[in-house]
């Protein structure tokens, strides 16, 4: 994975995933789960778009 993403991208994905799990544990599977999953997917999408832009340039 390190050859495809830089350290900052891996760090952001990891931190977002950790926050997602931390919020999931006390709240359980509620409406907040969908919001946090959306936040996680948006951050991953932004990182993938930045990678594609870096490769294109």
PDB file of N, CA and C in Angstrom:
ATOM      1  N   UNK A   1       0.827  -1.192   0.000  1.00  0.00           N
ATOM      2  CA  UNK A   1       0.000   0.000   0.000  1.00  0.00           C
ATOM      3  C   UNK A   1       0.867   1.251   0.000  1.00  0.00           C
ATOM      4  N   UNK A   2       2.032   1.175   0.603  1.00  0.00           N
ATOM      5  CA  UNK A   2       2.900   2.347   0.694  1.00  0.00           C
ATOM      6  C   UNK A   2       3.412   2.785  -0.666  1.00  0.00           C
ATOM      7  N   UNK A   3       3.483   1.865  -1.618  1.00  0.00           N
ATOM      8  CA  UNK A   3       3.971   2.259  -2.938  1.00  0.00           C
ATOM      9  C   UNK A   3       2.904   2.988  -3.741  1.00  0.00           C
ATOM     10  N   UNK A   4       1.638   2.870  -3.345  1.00  0.00           N
ATOM     11  CA  UNK A   4       0.558   3.527  -4.064  1.00  0.00           C
ATOM     12  C   UNK A   4       0.122   4.842  -3.431  1.00  0.00           C
ATOM     13  N   UNK A   5       0.290   4.975  -2.126  1.00  0.00           N
ATOM     14  CA  UNK A   5      -0.145   6.174  -1.407  1.00  0.00           C
ATOM     15  C   UNK A   5       1.017   6.745  -0.616  1.00  0.00           C
ATOM     16  N   UNK A   6       0.975   8.066  -0.402  1.00  0.00           N
ATOM     17  CA  UNK A   6       2.012   8.672   0.426  1.00  0.00           C
ATOM     18  C   UNK A   6       1.633   8.520   1.903  1.00  0.00           C
ATOM     19  N   UNK A   7       2.560   8.887   2.754  1.00  0.00           N
ATOM     20  CA  UNK A   7       2.375   8.700   4.196  1.00  0.00           C
ATOM     21  C   UNK A   7       1.188   9.503   4.725  1.00  0.00           C
ATOM     22  N   UNK A   8       0.994  10.705   4.228  1.00  0.00           N
ATOM     23  CA  UNK A   8      -0.125  11.530   4.685  1.00  0.00           C
ATOM     24  C   UNK A   8      -1.466  10.911   4.363  1.00  0.00           C
ATOM     25  N   UNK A   9      -1.600  10.334   3.184  1.00  0.00           N
ATOM     26  CA  UNK A   9      -2.856   9.697   2.799  1.00  0.00           C
ATOM     27  C   UNK A   9      -3.152   8.477   3.662  1.00  0.00           C
ATOM     28  N   UNK A  10      -2.144   7.676   3.903  1.00  0.00           N
ATOM     29  CA  UNK A  10      -2.322   6.498   4.753  1.00  0.00           C
ATOM     30  C   UNK A  10      -2.703   6.927   6.167  1.00  0.00           C
ATOM     31  N   UNK A  11      -2.089   7.988   6.656  1.00  0.00           N
ATOM     32  CA  UNK A  11      -2.392   8.488   7.988  1.00  0.00           C
ATOM     33  C   UNK A  11      -3.827   8.988   8.093  1.00  0.00           C
ATOM     34  N   UNK A  12      -4.296   9.709   7.081  1.00  0.00           N
ATOM     35  CA  UNK A  12      -5.668  10.223   7.095  1.00  0.00           C
ATOM     36  C   UNK A  12      -6.673   9.082   7.043  1.00  0.00           C
ATOM     37  N   UNK A  13      -6.439   8.101   6.188  1.00  0.00           N
ATOM     38  CA  UNK A  13      -7.349   6.959   6.113  1.00  0.00           C
ATOM     39  C   UNK A  13      -7.364   6.203   7.438  1.00  0.00           C
ATOM     40  N   UNK A  14      -6.218   6.000   8.035  1.00  0.00           N
ATOM     41  CA  UNK A  14      -6.134   5.278   9.300  1.00  0.00           C
ATOM     42  C   UNK A  14      -6.845   6.018  10.420  1.00  0.00           C
ATOM     43  N   UNK A  15      -6.602   7.324  10.515  1.00  0.00           N
ATOM     44  CA  UNK A  15      -7.243   8.108  11.574  1.00  0.00           C
ATOM     45  C   UNK A  15      -8.756   8.130  11.399  1.00  0.00           C
ATOM     46  N   UNK A  16      -9.225   8.272  10.168  1.00  0.00           N
ATOM     47  CA  UNK A  16     -10.656   8.288   9.921  1.00  0.00           C
ATOM     48  C   UNK A  16     -11.276   6.946  10.279  1.00  0.00           C
ATOM     49  N   UNK A  17     -10.606   5.864   9.950  1.00  0.00           N
ATOM     50  CA  UNK A  17     -11.108   4.538  10.290  1.00  0.00           C
ATOM     51  C   UNK A  17     -11.143   4.335  11.803  1.00  0.00           C
ATOM     52  N   UNK A  18     -10.125   4.799  12.509  1.00  0.00           N
ATOM     53  CA  UNK A  18     -10.103   4.696  13.972  1.00  0.00           C
ATOM     54  C   UNK A  18     -11.244   5.497  14.580  1.00  0.00           C
ATOM     55  N   UNK A  19     -11.464   6.725  14.109  1.00  0.00           N
ATOM     56  CA  UNK A  19     -12.574   7.526  14.617  1.00  0.00           C
ATOM     57  C   UNK A  19     -13.908   6.867  14.321  1.00  0.00           C
ATOM     58  N   UNK A  20     -14.026   6.246  13.152  1.00  0.00           N
ATOM     59  CA  UNK A  20     -15.251   5.541  12.778  1.00  0.00           C
ATOM     60  C   UNK A  20     -15.537   4.410  13.766  1.00  0.00           C
ATOM     61  N   UNK A  21     -14.518   3.637  14.109  1.00  0.00           N
ATOM     62  CA  UNK A  21     -14.692   2.521  15.042  1.00  0.00           C
ATOM     63  C   UNK A  21     -14.992   3.035  16.450  1.00  0.00           C
ATOM     64  N   UNK A  22     -14.329   4.126  16.860  1.00  0.00           N
ATOM     65  CA  UNK A  22     -14.568   4.685  18.191  1.00  0.00           C
ATOM     66  C   UNK A  22     -16.012   5.152  18.326  1.00  0.00           C
ATOM     67  N   UNK A  23     -16.549   5.788  17.305  1.00  0.00           N
ATOM     68  CA  UNK A  23     -17.938   6.255  17.347  1.00  0.00           C
ATOM     69  C   UNK A  23     -18.901   5.078  17.279  1.00  0.00           C
ATOM     70  N   UNK A  24     -18.523   4.034  16.566  1.00  0.00           N
ATOM     71  CA  UNK A  24     -19.399   2.881  16.407  1.00  0.00           C
ATOM     72  C   UNK A  24     -19.594   2.122  17.713  1.00  0.00           C
ATOM     73  N   UNK A  25     -18.555   2.016  18.519  1.00  0.00           N
ATOM     74  CA  UNK A  25     -18.631   1.199  19.727  1.00  0.00           C
ATOM     75  C   UNK A  25     -19.675   1.693  20.736  1.00  0.00           C
ATOM     76  N   UNK A  26     -19.661   2.955  21.160  1.00  0.00           N
ATOM     77  CA  UNK A  26     -20.665   3.352  22.158  1.00  0.00           C
ATOM     78  C   UNK A  26     -22.063   3.557  21.575  1.00  0.00           C
ATOM     79  N   UNK A  27     -22.160   3.955  20.314  1.00  0.00           N
ATOM     80  CA  UNK A  27     -23.469   4.277  19.745  1.00  0.00           C
ATOM     81  C   UNK A  27     -24.148   3.077  19.114  1.00  0.00           C
ATOM     82  N   UNK A  28     -23.398   2.094  18.689  1.00  0.00           N
ATOM     83  CA  UNK A  28     -23.986   0.944  18.028  1.00  0.00           C
ATOM     84  C   UNK A  28     -24.408   1.276  16.607  1.00  0.00           C
ATOM     85  N   UNK A  29     -25.253   0.440  16.067  1.00  0.00           N
ATOM     86  CA  UNK A  29     -25.704   0.605  14.690  1.00  0.00           C
ATOM     87  C   UNK A  29     -26.942   1.485  14.662  1.00  0.00           C
ATOM     88  N   UNK A  30     -26.729   2.776  14.645  1.00  0.00           N
ATOM     89  CA  UNK A  30     -27.830   3.730  14.600  1.00  0.00           C
ATOM     90  C   UNK A  30     -27.672   4.601  13.363  1.00  0.00           C
ATOM     91  N   UNK A  31     -28.447   5.648  13.319  1.00  0.00           N
ATOM     92  CA  UNK A  31     -28.384   6.595  12.202  1.00  0.00           C
ATOM     93  C   UNK A  31     -26.996   7.224  12.095  1.00  0.00           C
ATOM     94  N   UNK A  32     -26.319   7.388  13.235  1.00  0.00           N
ATOM     95  CA  UNK A  32     -24.979   7.980  13.223  1.00  0.00           C
ATOM     96  C   UNK A  32     -23.990   7.126  12.449  1.00  0.00           C
ATOM     97  N   UNK A  33     -24.240   5.833  12.389  1.00  0.00           N
ATOM     98  CA  UNK A  33     -23.354   4.948  11.639  1.00  0.00           C
ATOM     99  C   UNK A  33     -23.323   5.342  10.169  1.00  0.00           C
ATOM    100  N   UNK A  34     -24.477   5.658   9.613  1.00  0.00           N
ATOM    101  CA  UNK A  34     -24.521   6.056   8.210  1.00  0.00           C
ATOM    102  C   UNK A  34     -23.778   7.365   7.978  1.00  0.00           C
ATOM    103  N   UNK A  35     -23.877   8.287   8.908  1.00  0.00           N
ATOM    104  CA  UNK A  35     -23.162   9.555   8.773  1.00  0.00           C
ATOM    105  C   UNK A  35     -21.651   9.351   8.826  1.00  0.00           C
ATOM    106  N   UNK A  36     -21.207   8.547   9.763  1.00  0.00           N
ATOM    107  CA  UNK A  36     -19.769   8.298   9.899  1.00  0.00           C
ATOM    108  C   UNK A  36     -19.233   7.494   8.721  1.00  0.00           C
ATOM    109  N   UNK A  37     -20.019   6.552   8.224  1.00  0.00           N
ATOM    110  CA  UNK A  37     -19.587   5.794   7.045  1.00  0.00           C
ATOM    111  C   UNK A  37     -19.467   6.727   5.843  1.00  0.00           C
ATOM    112  N   UNK A  38     -20.388   7.669   5.723  1.00  0.00           N
ATOM    113  CA  UNK A  38     -20.308   8.652   4.647  1.00  0.00           C
ATOM    114  C   UNK A  38     -19.074   9.517   4.767  1.00  0.00           C
ATOM    115  N   UNK A  39     -18.750   9.943   5.972  1.00  0.00           N
ATOM    116  CA  UNK A  39     -17.545  10.748   6.187  1.00  0.00           C
ATOM    117  C   UNK A  39     -16.294   9.962   5.802  1.00  0.00           C
ATOM    118  N   UNK A  40     -16.264   8.694   6.177  1.00  0.00           N
ATOM    119  CA  UNK A  40     -15.118   7.860   5.847  1.00  0.00           C
ATOM    120  C   UNK A  40     -14.972   7.712   4.332  1.00  0.00           C
ATOM    121  N   UNK A  41     -16.077   7.455   3.651  1.00  0.00           N
ATOM    122  CA  UNK A  41     -16.024   7.281   2.200  1.00  0.00           C
ATOM    123  C   UNK A  41     -15.629   8.567   1.484  1.00  0.00           C
ATOM    124  N   UNK A  42     -16.076   9.701   1.995  1.00  0.00           N
ATOM    125  CA  UNK A  42     -15.699  10.981   1.385  1.00  0.00           C
ATOM    126  C   UNK A  42     -14.203  11.228   1.541  1.00  0.00           C
ATOM    127  N   UNK A  43     -13.646  10.940   2.710  1.00  0.00           N
ATOM    128  CA  UNK A  43     -12.215  11.172   2.899  1.00  0.00           C
ATOM    129  C   UNK A  43     -11.395  10.240   2.011  1.00  0.00           C
ATOM    130  N   UNK A  44     -11.826   8.993   1.866  1.00  0.00           N
ATOM    131  CA  UNK A  44     -11.114   8.066   0.987  1.00  0.00           C
ATOM    132  C   UNK A  44     -11.213   8.530  -0.460  1.00  0.00           C
ATOM    133  N   UNK A  45     -12.389   8.986  -0.864  1.00  0.00           N
ATOM    134  CA  UNK A  45     -12.580   9.465  -2.237  1.00  0.00           C
ATOM    135  C   UNK A  45     -11.695  10.679  -2.524  1.00  0.00           C
ATOM    136  N   UNK A  46     -11.600  11.608  -1.584  1.00  0.00           N
ATOM    137  CA  UNK A  46     -10.744  12.777  -1.776  1.00  0.00           C
ATOM    138  C   UNK A  46      -9.280  12.382  -1.911  1.00  0.00           C
ATOM    139  N   UNK A  47      -8.856  11.415  -1.126  1.00  0.00           N
ATOM    140  CA  UNK A  47      -7.469  10.965  -1.204  1.00  0.00           C
ATOM    141  C   UNK A  47      -7.202  10.279  -2.534  1.00  0.00           C
ATOM    142  N   UNK A  48      -8.153   9.456  -2.995  1.00  0.00           N
ATOM    143  CA  UNK A  48      -7.974   8.798  -4.285  1.00  0.00           C
ATOM    144  C   UNK A  48      -7.959   9.804  -5.430  1.00  0.00           C
ATOM    145  N   UNK A  49      -8.797  10.831  -5.341  1.00  0.00           N
ATOM    146  CA  UNK A  49      -8.802  11.870  -6.375  1.00  0.00           C
ATOM    147  C   UNK A  49      -7.495  12.642  -6.370  1.00  0.00           C
ATOM    148  N   UNK A  50      -6.942  12.923  -5.190  1.00  0.00           N
ATOM    149  CA  UNK A  50      -5.662  13.624  -5.108  1.00  0.00           C
ATOM    150  C   UNK A  50      -4.543  12.774  -5.704  1.00  0.00           C
ATOM    151  N   UNK A  51      -4.597  11.481  -5.481  1.00  0.00           N
ATOM    152  CA  UNK A  51      -3.584  10.582  -6.051  1.00  0.00           C
ATOM    153  C   UNK A  51      -3.682  10.569  -7.571  1.00  0.00           C
ATOM    154  N   UNK A  52      -4.907  10.469  -8.076  1.00  0.00           N
ATOM    155  CA  UNK A  52      -5.085  10.449  -9.530  1.00  0.00           C
ATOM    156  C   UNK A  52      -4.624  11.771 -10.150  1.00  0.00           C
ATOM    157  N   UNK A  53      -4.873  12.859  -9.475  1.00  0.00           N
ATOM    158  CA  UNK A  53      -4.434  14.170  -9.957  1.00  0.00           C
ATOM    159  C   UNK A  53      -2.915  14.270  -9.953  1.00  0.00           C
ATOM    160  N   UNK A  54      -2.291  13.742  -8.903  1.00  0.00           N
ATOM    161  CA  UNK A  54      -0.828  13.765  -8.818  1.00  0.00           C
ATOM    162  C   UNK A  54      -0.206  12.938  -9.931  1.00  0.00           C
ATOM    163  N   UNK A  55      -0.797  11.795 -10.248  1.00  0.00           N
ATOM    164  CA  UNK A  55      -0.284  10.951 -11.317  1.00  0.00           C
ATOM    165  C   UNK A  55      -0.467  11.632 -12.677  1.00  0.00           C
ATOM    166  N   UNK A  56      -1.612  12.279 -12.865  1.00  0.00           N
ATOM    167  CA  UNK A  56      -1.892  12.931 -14.135  1.00  0.00           C
ATOM    168  C   UNK A  56      -0.952  14.103 -14.391  1.00  0.00           C
ATOM    169  N   UNK A  57      -0.571  14.780 -13.327  1.00  0.00           N
ATOM    170  CA  UNK A  57       0.331  15.922 -13.497  1.00  0.00           C
ATOM    171  C   UNK A  57       1.751  15.442 -13.596  1.00  0.00           C
TER     172      UNK A  57
END
